[in-house]
Amino acid sequence: MAKLEKWIVAARMVEVLDAETEKTIINMGGLIAGGWCQVHQHIIVTPDNKEQIETYLKEKGYQVLSAAETNEHRTH
């Protein structure tokens, strides 16, 4: 396993404002635009657990990226 491949990244889109806050702002006459933000968590894996961890994260609704893919997204 290459050094960079020891890291995987779990990413998910999450709401920035909770439902109550959004409702209050709308009731005050505000409009809500794009309210999602991608968050991520770096995870160190080994050849023995990488596939199992990736499968688990995908089942939980996370996008799984390699550290190299994450770096590519930052430059575009």
Protein backbone atom coordinates (compact mmCIF):
# COMPACT_ATOMS: atom_id res chain seq x y z
CA MET A 1 0.00 0.00 0.00
CA ALA A 2 1.45 3.38 -0.97
CA LYS A 3 1.88 5.89 1.83
CA LEU A 4 -0.93 8.12 0.57
CA GLU A 5 -3.32 5.19 0.27
CA LYS A 6 -3.20 4.58 4.03
CA TRP A 7 -5.67 7.44 4.32
CA ILE A 8 -9.27 7.43 3.20
CA VAL A 9 -11.72 10.29 3.52
CA ALA A 10 -15.39 9.93 4.44
CA ALA A 11 -17.48 12.84 3.15
CA ARG A 12 -21.14 13.77 3.54
CA MET A 13 -23.33 16.75 2.80
CA VAL A 14 -24.89 18.18 5.97
CA GLU A 15 -27.35 20.95 6.67
CA VAL A 16 -25.88 24.20 7.90
CA LEU A 17 -29.05 25.47 9.61
CA ASP A 18 -31.40 23.30 11.62
CA ALA A 19 -35.10 23.16 10.64
CA GLU A 20 -36.25 25.45 13.47
CA THR A 21 -33.71 28.15 12.55
CA GLU A 22 -34.69 27.97 8.88
CA LYS A 23 -38.39 28.25 9.77
CA THR A 24 -37.76 31.26 12.02
CA ILE A 25 -35.76 33.03 9.32
CA ILE A 26 -38.47 32.33 6.72
CA ASN A 27 -41.14 33.60 9.13
CA MET A 28 -39.11 36.82 9.46
CA GLY A 29 -39.26 37.21 5.68
CA GLY A 30 -35.83 35.80 4.88
CA LEU A 31 -35.17 33.40 2.05
CA ILE A 32 -32.97 30.34 2.40
CA ALA A 33 -30.51 29.66 -0.42
CA GLY A 34 -28.14 26.70 -0.72
CA GLY A 35 -27.85 25.41 2.80
CA TRP A 36 -25.68 22.36 2.46
CA CYS A 37 -22.02 21.98 3.20
CA GLN A 38 -19.72 19.03 2.63
CA VAL A 39 -17.83 17.86 5.69
CA HIS A 40 -15.22 15.15 5.77
CA GLN A 41 -13.23 12.99 8.14
CA HIS A 42 -9.76 11.60 7.42
CA ILE A 43 -9.34 7.97 8.51
CA ILE A 44 -6.14 5.92 8.70
CA VAL A 45 -6.64 2.36 7.44
CA THR A 46 -4.52 -0.75 6.95
CA PRO A 47 -4.58 -3.37 4.21
CA ASP A 48 -6.46 -5.60 6.67
CA ASN A 49 -9.35 -3.22 7.40
CA LYS A 50 -9.54 -0.74 4.49
CA GLU A 51 -12.17 -2.60 2.46
CA GLN A 52 -14.32 -3.35 5.51
CA ILE A 53 -14.24 0.27 6.69
CA GLU A 54 -15.00 1.60 3.20
CA THR A 55 -17.99 -0.75 2.87
CA TYR A 56 -19.31 0.25 6.30
CA LEU A 57 -19.02 3.97 5.52
CA LYS A 58 -20.78 3.57 2.16
CA GLU A 59 -23.62 1.65 3.87
CA LYS A 60 -23.97 4.58 6.29
CA GLY A 61 -24.35 7.01 3.37
CA TYR A 62 -20.84 8.47 3.19
CA GLN A 63 -18.90 9.10 0.03
CA VAL A 64 -15.49 7.44 0.37
CA LEU A 65 -12.50 9.08 -1.32
CA SER A 66 -8.80 8.43 -1.29
CA ALA A 67 -6.61 11.19 0.11
CA ALA A 68 -5.30 11.74 -3.44
CA GLU A 69 -8.86 12.33 -4.72
CA THR A 70 -9.47 14.82 -1.91
CA ASN A 71 -6.35 16.76 -2.90
CA GLU A 72 -7.53 16.80 -6.54
CA HIS A 73 -10.86 18.36 -5.49
CA ARG A 74 -9.05 21.16 -3.66
CA THR A 75 -7.15 22.23 -6.75
CA HIS A 76 -10.19 22.47 -9.07
